[in-house]
Amino acid sequence: MAQFVKAVLFDLDGTLIDTAADFVRIIQRMSAQHGWQAPSDVDIREQVSAGASAMVKLILSHNEQPINEETLQDYRQQFLDEYEADICVDSRIFAELEPLLKDLEAKETPWGIVTNKPRYLAEKLLDALDLTERCAVLVCPDDVRYTKPDPEPMYLALEKLGLPRGIAETVIYVGDHSRDIEAGKSAGMITVLASYGYIPPEDQDTLADWGADYITETPAQLAKLLQSSKFEYL
């Protein structure tokens, strides 16, 4: 029997939008400014979903630089400033997901984003990709007291969509981090793991343990799943 779906929510980086190339470029430029060696593209990509602090720690540890709170915050702010100024040179929606979004829109099924990316950056990125008007709801850390893996952002997304918590099982949440799956499950949503996302190799063998309802290995597989007879959009 098909599962009824009233909305589809996505994580942002590594799930809906491939932002890694811009982070690689910013980190390479920042490393050159300080006379450091940039980490590999692969190493950077694996840290994107962990956030700005994780990427800054990667740069510092790769160059055997001391890491303390003051140093971390200084370089993190530089990183964020450079990223904000040059946020969407190479970032793109995963190509296979654009037809999926159009299909959801044709069905009048709202889709949205629940992310741990700061709102000012998320909004700027969506504007640059012409997704702002299409996105039915955007929930960021600025909007809640507790971020993912807490379910509070998921509940806020439901509220903004006009959906009661009691029908959370009619909402799909797609993400590429364990906290995404934990937050979605805690809220009672259908969870889909985008294993093509920014997942470190040490986590690859434990993906099944995250407990997602579905695991998709490519954006094309995700699109195929969400457009399959497993789901009926209301």
C-alpha atoms as a PDB file:
ATOM      1  CA  MET A   1       0.000   0.000   0.000  1.00  0.00           C
ATOM      2  CA  ALA A   2       1.299   3.438  -0.926  1.00  0.00           C
ATOM      3  CA  GLN A   3       2.229   5.880   1.813  1.00  0.00           C
ATOM      4  CA  PHE A   4       0.319   9.154   1.659  1.00  0.00           C
ATOM      5  CA  VAL A   5       2.527  12.250   1.365  1.00  0.00           C
ATOM      6  CA  LYS A   6       1.552  15.866   1.979  1.00  0.00           C
ATOM      7  CA  ALA A   7       5.021  17.460   1.793  1.00  0.00           C
ATOM      8  CA  VAL A   8       8.677  16.701   1.112  1.00  0.00           C
ATOM      9  CA  LEU A   9      11.487  18.307   3.092  1.00  0.00           C
ATOM     10  CA  PHE A  10      15.191  18.253   2.269  1.00  0.00           C
ATOM     11  CA  ASP A  11      18.441  18.976   4.013  1.00  0.00           C
ATOM     12  CA  LEU A  12      20.366  21.532   1.959  1.00  0.00           C
ATOM     13  CA  ASP A  13      24.105  20.896   1.478  1.00  0.00           C
ATOM     14  CA  GLY A  14      24.845  17.502  -0.042  1.00  0.00           C
ATOM     15  CA  THR A  15      21.189  16.497  -0.278  1.00  0.00           C
ATOM     16  CA  LEU A  16      19.364  18.994  -2.492  1.00  0.00           C
ATOM     17  CA  ILE A  17      22.246  21.208  -3.564  1.00  0.00           C
ATOM     18  CA  ASP A  18      25.825  20.214  -4.375  1.00  0.00           C
ATOM     19  CA  THR A  19      27.750  23.021  -2.678  1.00  0.00           C
ATOM     20  CA  ALA A  20      31.089  21.258  -2.180  1.00  0.00           C
ATOM     21  CA  ALA A  21      32.912  22.879  -5.109  1.00  0.00           C
ATOM     22  CA  ASP A  22      32.409  26.350  -3.645  1.00  0.00           C
ATOM     23  CA  PHE A  23      33.708  25.224  -0.263  1.00  0.00           C
ATOM     24  CA  VAL A  24      36.743  23.662  -1.932  1.00  0.00           C
ATOM     25  CA  ARG A  25      37.445  26.923  -3.758  1.00  0.00           C
ATOM     26  CA  ILE A  26      37.068  29.037  -0.605  1.00  0.00           C
ATOM     27  CA  ILE A  27      39.297  26.728   1.447  1.00  0.00           C
ATOM     28  CA  GLN A  28      41.963  26.652  -1.248  1.00  0.00           C
ATOM     29  CA  ARG A  29      41.981  30.449  -1.412  1.00  0.00           C
ATOM     30  CA  MET A  30      42.005  30.818   2.356  1.00  0.00           C
ATOM     31  CA  SER A  31      44.864  28.318   2.674  1.00  0.00           C
ATOM     32  CA  ALA A  32      46.895  30.214   0.053  1.00  0.00           C
ATOM     33  CA  GLN A  33      46.343  33.490   1.910  1.00  0.00           C
ATOM     34  CA  HIS A  34      47.915  31.992   5.037  1.00  0.00           C
ATOM     35  CA  GLY A  35      50.665  30.121   3.220  1.00  0.00           C
ATOM     36  CA  TRP A  36      49.137  26.759   4.077  1.00  0.00           C
ATOM     37  CA  GLN A  37      48.561  23.607   2.086  1.00  0.00           C
ATOM     38  CA  ALA A  38      44.899  23.046   1.292  1.00  0.00           C
ATOM     39  CA  PRO A  39      43.334  19.702   2.268  1.00  0.00           C
ATOM     40  CA  SER A  40      42.299  17.463  -0.603  1.00  0.00           C
ATOM     41  CA  ASP A  41      39.009  18.067  -2.382  1.00  0.00           C
ATOM     42  CA  VAL A  42      37.768  14.715  -1.088  1.00  0.00           C
ATOM     43  CA  ASP A  43      38.612  15.560   2.531  1.00  0.00           C
ATOM     44  CA  ILE A  44      36.850  18.918   2.241  1.00  0.00           C
ATOM     45  CA  ARG A  45      33.754  17.385   0.649  1.00  0.00           C
ATOM     46  CA  GLU A  46      33.441  14.882   3.496  1.00  0.00           C
ATOM     47  CA  GLN A  47      33.303  17.704   6.074  1.00  0.00           C
ATOM     48  CA  VAL A  48      30.752  19.968   4.391  1.00  0.00           C
ATOM     49  CA  SER A  49      27.711  18.553   6.191  1.00  0.00           C
ATOM     50  CA  ALA A  50      29.516  18.891   9.532  1.00  0.00           C
ATOM     51  CA  GLY A  51      29.525  22.680   9.120  1.00  0.00           C
ATOM     52  CA  ALA A  52      31.918  25.620   9.053  1.00  0.00           C
ATOM     53  CA  SER A  53      33.726  24.797  12.295  1.00  0.00           C
ATOM     54  CA  ALA A  54      34.516  21.288  11.072  1.00  0.00           C
ATOM     55  CA  MET A  55      35.928  22.623   7.810  1.00  0.00           C
ATOM     56  CA  VAL A  56      38.077  25.178   9.637  1.00  0.00           C
ATOM     57  CA  LYS A  57      39.354  22.466  11.991  1.00  0.00           C
ATOM     58  CA  LEU A  58      40.226  20.425   8.909  1.00  0.00           C
ATOM     59  CA  ILE A  59      42.332  23.280   7.501  1.00  0.00           C
ATOM     60  CA  LEU A  60      44.117  23.872  10.811  1.00  0.00           C
ATOM     61  CA  SER A  61      44.799  20.222  11.615  1.00  0.00           C
ATOM     62  CA  HIS A  62      45.965  19.550   8.053  1.00  0.00           C
ATOM     63  CA  ASN A  63      48.600  22.256   8.569  1.00  0.00           C
ATOM     64  CA  GLU A  64      49.417  21.315  12.168  1.00  0.00           C
ATOM     65  CA  GLN A  65      48.138  24.643  13.441  1.00  0.00           C
ATOM     66  CA  PRO A  66      47.044  25.021  17.073  1.00  0.00           C
ATOM     67  CA  ILE A  67      43.310  24.767  17.590  1.00  0.00           C
ATOM     68  CA  ASN A  68      41.799  26.709  20.471  1.00  0.00           C
ATOM     69  CA  GLU A  69      38.467  28.486  20.815  1.00  0.00           C
ATOM     70  CA  GLU A  70      39.783  31.938  19.932  1.00  0.00           C
ATOM     71  CA  THR A  71      41.720  30.720  16.890  1.00  0.00           C
ATOM     72  CA  LEU A  72      38.824  28.602  15.735  1.00  0.00           C
ATOM     73  CA  GLN A  73      36.343  31.479  15.957  1.00  0.00           C
ATOM     74  CA  ASP A  74      38.665  33.914  14.144  1.00  0.00           C
ATOM     75  CA  TYR A  75      39.266  31.590  11.213  1.00  0.00           C
ATOM     76  CA  ARG A  76      35.641  30.478  11.192  1.00  0.00           C
ATOM     77  CA  GLN A  77      34.507  34.074  10.779  1.00  0.00           C
ATOM     78  CA  GLN A  78      36.970  34.610   7.952  1.00  0.00           C
ATOM     79  CA  PHE A  79      35.711  31.423   6.324  1.00  0.00           C
ATOM     80  CA  LEU A  80      32.065  32.509   6.613  1.00  0.00           C
ATOM     81  CA  ASP A  81      32.807  36.026   5.337  1.00  0.00           C
ATOM     82  CA  GLU A  82      34.595  34.697   2.268  1.00  0.00           C
ATOM     83  CA  TYR A  83      31.869  32.156   1.629  1.00  0.00           C
ATOM     84  CA  GLU A  84      29.088  34.754   1.930  1.00  0.00           C
ATOM     85  CA  ALA A  85      30.866  37.042  -0.532  1.00  0.00           C
ATOM     86  CA  ASP A  86      31.266  34.277  -3.116  1.00  0.00           C
ATOM     87  CA  ILE A  87      28.567  31.764  -2.220  1.00  0.00           C
ATOM     88  CA  CYS A  88      27.330  30.416  -5.526  1.00  0.00           C
ATOM     89  CA  VAL A  89      29.955  30.134  -8.244  1.00  0.00           C
ATOM     90  CA  ASP A  90      29.833  26.370  -8.711  1.00  0.00           C
ATOM     91  CA  SER A  91      26.971  25.276  -6.432  1.00  0.00           C
ATOM     92  CA  ARG A  92      24.103  23.609  -8.262  1.00  0.00           C
ATOM     93  CA  ILE A  93      20.963  21.687  -7.444  1.00  0.00           C
ATOM     94  CA  PHE A  94      21.684  18.025  -8.112  1.00  0.00           C
ATOM     95  CA  ALA A  95      20.579  17.778 -11.751  1.00  0.00           C
ATOM     96  CA  GLU A  96      18.399  14.707 -11.279  1.00  0.00           C
ATOM     97  CA  LEU A  97      16.415  16.458  -8.543  1.00  0.00           C
ATOM     98  CA  GLU A  98      15.211  19.394 -10.647  1.00  0.00           C
ATOM     99  CA  PRO A  99      12.630  17.207 -12.480  1.00  0.00           C
ATOM    100  CA  LEU A 100      11.541  15.841  -9.091  1.00  0.00           C
ATOM    101  CA  LEU A 101      10.893  19.344  -7.758  1.00  0.00           C
ATOM    102  CA  LYS A 102       8.935  20.225 -10.887  1.00  0.00           C
ATOM    103  CA  ASP A 103       6.890  17.040 -10.477  1.00  0.00           C
ATOM    104  CA  LEU A 104       6.092  17.896  -6.847  1.00  0.00           C
ATOM    105  CA  GLU A 105       5.122  21.408  -7.880  1.00  0.00           C
ATOM    106  CA  ALA A 106       2.873  20.035 -10.637  1.00  0.00           C
ATOM    107  CA  LYS A 107       1.170  17.868  -8.007  1.00  0.00           C
ATOM    108  CA  GLU A 108       0.867  20.966  -5.777  1.00  0.00           C
ATOM    109  CA  THR A 109       2.847  19.106  -3.104  1.00  0.00           C
ATOM    110  CA  PRO A 110       4.895  21.645  -1.128  1.00  0.00           C
ATOM    111  CA  TRP A 111       8.608  21.022  -0.752  1.00  0.00           C
ATOM    112  CA  GLY A 112      10.939  22.777   1.630  1.00  0.00           C
ATOM    113  CA  ILE A 113      14.272  22.799   3.402  1.00  0.00           C
ATOM    114  CA  VAL A 114      15.305  22.142   7.001  1.00  0.00           C
ATOM    115  CA  THR A 115      18.993  22.895   7.373  1.00  0.00           C
ATOM    116  CA  ASN A 116      21.662  23.684   9.937  1.00  0.00           C
ATOM    117  CA  LYS A 117      23.020  26.353   7.555  1.00  0.00           C
ATOM    118  CA  PRO A 118      22.615  29.897   8.967  1.00  0.00           C
ATOM    119  CA  ARG A 119      19.610  31.667   7.466  1.00  0.00           C
ATOM    120  CA  TYR A 120      21.547  34.543   5.902  1.00  0.00           C
ATOM    121  CA  LEU A 121      23.648  32.056   3.943  1.00  0.00           C
ATOM    122  CA  ALA A 122      20.791  29.703   3.090  1.00  0.00           C
ATOM    123  CA  GLU A 123      18.648  32.565   1.779  1.00  0.00           C
ATOM    124  CA  LYS A 124      21.493  33.964  -0.296  1.00  0.00           C
ATOM    125  CA  LEU A 125      22.179  30.550  -1.817  1.00  0.00           C
ATOM    126  CA  LEU A 126      18.520  29.906  -2.649  1.00  0.00           C
ATOM    127  CA  ASP A 127      18.233  33.372  -4.196  1.00  0.00           C
ATOM    128  CA  ALA A 128      21.273  32.721  -6.376  1.00  0.00           C
ATOM    129  CA  LEU A 129      19.755  29.455  -7.610  1.00  0.00           C
ATOM    130  CA  ASP A 130      16.267  30.942  -8.176  1.00  0.00           C
ATOM    131  CA  LEU A 131      14.742  28.583  -5.621  1.00  0.00           C
ATOM    132  CA  THR A 132      13.408  31.079  -3.088  1.00  0.00           C
ATOM    133  CA  GLU A 133       9.924  31.441  -4.532  1.00  0.00           C
ATOM    134  CA  ARG A 134       9.636  27.717  -5.178  1.00  0.00           C
ATOM    135  CA  CYS A 135      10.624  26.645  -1.649  1.00  0.00           C
ATOM    136  CA  ALA A 136       7.489  26.443   0.520  1.00  0.00           C
ATOM    137  CA  VAL A 137       9.336  26.545   3.823  1.00  0.00           C
ATOM    138  CA  LEU A 138      12.890  27.196   5.003  1.00  0.00           C
ATOM    139  CA  VAL A 139      13.877  26.370   8.590  1.00  0.00           C
ATOM    140  CA  CYS A 140      17.358  27.319   9.803  1.00  0.00           C
ATOM    141  CA  PRO A 141      19.179  27.242  13.165  1.00  0.00           C
ATOM    142  CA  ASP A 142      18.259  30.904  13.691  1.00  0.00           C
ATOM    143  CA  ASP A 143      14.589  29.917  13.863  1.00  0.00           C
ATOM    144  CA  VAL A 144      14.755  27.418  16.714  1.00  0.00           C
ATOM    145  CA  ARG A 145      16.182  26.932  20.171  1.00  0.00           C
ATOM    146  CA  TYR A 146      17.425  23.409  19.437  1.00  0.00           C
ATOM    147  CA  THR A 147      18.821  22.368  16.050  1.00  0.00           C
ATOM    148  CA  LYS A 148      18.927  18.947  14.403  1.00  0.00           C
ATOM    149  CA  PRO A 149      19.138  16.205  15.617  1.00  0.00           C
ATOM    150  CA  ASP A 150      16.462  17.661  17.902  1.00  0.00           C
ATOM    151  CA  PRO A 151      13.042  17.456  16.208  1.00  0.00           C
ATOM    152  CA  GLU A 152      12.198  21.104  16.941  1.00  0.00           C
ATOM    153  CA  PRO A 153      13.146  22.294  13.402  1.00  0.00           C
ATOM    154  CA  MET A 154      10.982  19.545  11.907  1.00  0.00           C
ATOM    155  CA  TYR A 155       8.012  20.562  14.039  1.00  0.00           C
ATOM    156  CA  LEU A 156       8.497  24.198  13.010  1.00  0.00           C
ATOM    157  CA  ALA A 157       8.490  23.171   9.344  1.00  0.00           C
ATOM    158  CA  LEU A 158       5.188  21.365   9.888  1.00  0.00           C
ATOM    159  CA  GLU A 159       3.747  24.445  11.589  1.00  0.00           C
ATOM    160  CA  LYS A 160       4.841  26.733   8.752  1.00  0.00           C
ATOM    161  CA  LEU A 161       3.261  24.343   6.242  1.00  0.00           C
ATOM    162  CA  GLY A 162       0.027  24.359   8.215  1.00  0.00           C
ATOM    163  CA  LEU A 163       0.332  20.650   9.040  1.00  0.00           C
ATOM    164  CA  PRO A 164      -0.399  19.296  12.550  1.00  0.00           C
ATOM    165  CA  ARG A 165       2.241  17.153  14.243  1.00  0.00           C
ATOM    166  CA  GLY A 166      -0.246  14.305  14.292  1.00  0.00           C
ATOM    167  CA  ILE A 167       0.185  13.762  10.561  1.00  0.00           C
ATOM    168  CA  ALA A 168       3.987  13.997  10.483  1.00  0.00           C
ATOM    169  CA  GLU A 169       3.999  10.490   9.012  1.00  0.00           C
ATOM    170  CA  THR A 170       2.734  12.050   5.762  1.00  0.00           C
ATOM    171  CA  VAL A 171       5.904  14.139   5.394  1.00  0.00           C
ATOM    172  CA  ILE A 172       9.155  12.870   3.857  1.00  0.00           C
ATOM    173  CA  TYR A 173      12.489  14.193   5.123  1.00  0.00           C
ATOM    174  CA  VAL A 174      15.639  13.585   3.076  1.00  0.00           C
ATOM    175  CA  GLY A 175      19.129  14.129   4.498  1.00  0.00           C
ATOM    176  CA  ASP A 176      22.744  12.991   4.298  1.00  0.00           C
ATOM    177  CA  HIS A 177      23.754  13.092   7.981  1.00  0.00           C
ATOM    178  CA  SER A 178      22.863  10.953  10.967  1.00  0.00           C
ATOM    179  CA  ARG A 179      21.368  14.007  12.677  1.00  0.00           C
ATOM    180  CA  ASP A 180      18.975  14.429   9.722  1.00  0.00           C
ATOM    181  CA  ILE A 181      17.647  10.909  10.084  1.00  0.00           C
ATOM    182  CA  GLU A 182      17.453  11.193  13.877  1.00  0.00           C
ATOM    183  CA  ALA A 183      15.524  14.470  13.681  1.00  0.00           C
ATOM    184  CA  GLY A 184      13.125  13.140  11.052  1.00  0.00           C
ATOM    185  CA  LYS A 185      12.478   9.917  12.947  1.00  0.00           C
ATOM    186  CA  SER A 186      11.990  11.765  16.243  1.00  0.00           C
ATOM    187  CA  ALA A 187       9.363  13.930  14.568  1.00  0.00           C
ATOM    188  CA  GLY A 188       7.595  10.861  13.157  1.00  0.00           C
ATOM    189  CA  MET A 189       8.387  11.594   9.507  1.00  0.00           C
ATOM    190  CA  ILE A 190       9.269   9.202   6.686  1.00  0.00           C
ATOM    191  CA  THR A 191      13.062   9.398   6.470  1.00  0.00           C
ATOM    192  CA  VAL A 192      15.266   8.951   3.412  1.00  0.00           C
ATOM    193  CA  LEU A 193      19.053   8.836   3.647  1.00  0.00           C
ATOM    194  CA  ALA A 194      20.857  10.443   0.702  1.00  0.00           C
ATOM    195  CA  SER A 195      24.002   8.350   0.920  1.00  0.00           C
ATOM    196  CA  TYR A 196      25.457  10.180  -2.097  1.00  0.00           C
ATOM    197  CA  GLY A 197      25.930  13.203   0.167  1.00  0.00           C
ATOM    198  CA  TYR A 198      28.869  14.439   2.173  1.00  0.00           C
ATOM    199  CA  ILE A 199      29.459  11.372   4.328  1.00  0.00           C
ATOM    200  CA  PRO A 200      32.933  10.547   5.730  1.00  0.00           C
ATOM    201  CA  PRO A 201      34.285   7.079   4.855  1.00  0.00           C
ATOM    202  CA  GLU A 202      34.288   6.018   8.521  1.00  0.00           C
ATOM    203  CA  ASP A 203      30.499   6.342   8.510  1.00  0.00           C
ATOM    204  CA  GLN A 204      29.861   4.446   5.286  1.00  0.00           C
ATOM    205  CA  ASP A 205      29.714   1.026   6.947  1.00  0.00           C
ATOM    206  CA  THR A 206      27.181   2.141   9.549  1.00  0.00           C
ATOM    207  CA  LEU A 207      24.581   3.860   7.364  1.00  0.00           C
ATOM    208  CA  ALA A 208      22.019   1.100   7.875  1.00  0.00           C
ATOM    209  CA  ASP A 209      22.327   1.629  11.633  1.00  0.00           C
ATOM    210  CA  TRP A 210      20.993   5.171  11.287  1.00  0.00           C
ATOM    211  CA  GLY A 211      17.526   3.673  10.873  1.00  0.00           C
ATOM    212  CA  ALA A 212      16.310   5.551   7.794  1.00  0.00           C
ATOM    213  CA  ASP A 213      13.173   4.164   6.188  1.00  0.00           C
ATOM    214  CA  TYR A 214      14.917   4.271   2.804  1.00  0.00           C
ATOM    215  CA  ILE A 215      18.504   4.653   1.602  1.00  0.00           C
ATOM    216  CA  THR A 216      19.272   6.106  -1.836  1.00  0.00           C
ATOM    217  CA  GLU A 217      22.754   5.955  -3.316  1.00  0.00           C
ATOM    218  CA  THR A 218      22.398   8.587  -6.065  1.00  0.00           C
ATOM    219  CA  PRO A 219      20.230  11.637  -6.738  1.00  0.00           C
ATOM    220  CA  ALA A 220      18.651   9.712  -9.614  1.00  0.00           C
ATOM    221  CA  GLN A 221      17.741   6.896  -7.230  1.00  0.00           C
ATOM    222  CA  LEU A 222      16.215   9.405  -4.820  1.00  0.00           C
ATOM    223  CA  ALA A 223      14.105  10.928  -7.585  1.00  0.00           C
ATOM    224  CA  LYS A 224      13.004   7.484  -8.743  1.00  0.00           C
ATOM    225  CA  LEU A 225      12.024   6.485  -5.197  1.00  0.00           C
ATOM    226  CA  LEU A 226       9.976   9.604  -4.524  1.00  0.00           C
ATOM    227  CA  GLN A 227       8.224   9.297  -7.881  1.00  0.00           C
ATOM    228  CA  SER A 228       7.486   5.587  -7.420  1.00  0.00           C
ATOM    229  CA  SER A 229       4.224   3.867  -6.516  1.00  0.00           C
ATOM    230  CA  LYS A 230       5.423   3.655  -2.902  1.00  0.00           C
ATOM    231  CA  PHE A 231       4.054   7.155  -2.368  1.00  0.00           C
ATOM    232  CA  GLU A 232       0.758   8.820  -3.157  1.00  0.00           C
ATOM    233  CA  TYR A 233       0.826  12.604  -3.062  1.00  0.00           C
ATOM    234  CA  LEU A 234      -2.206  14.331  -1.585  1.00  0.00           C
END
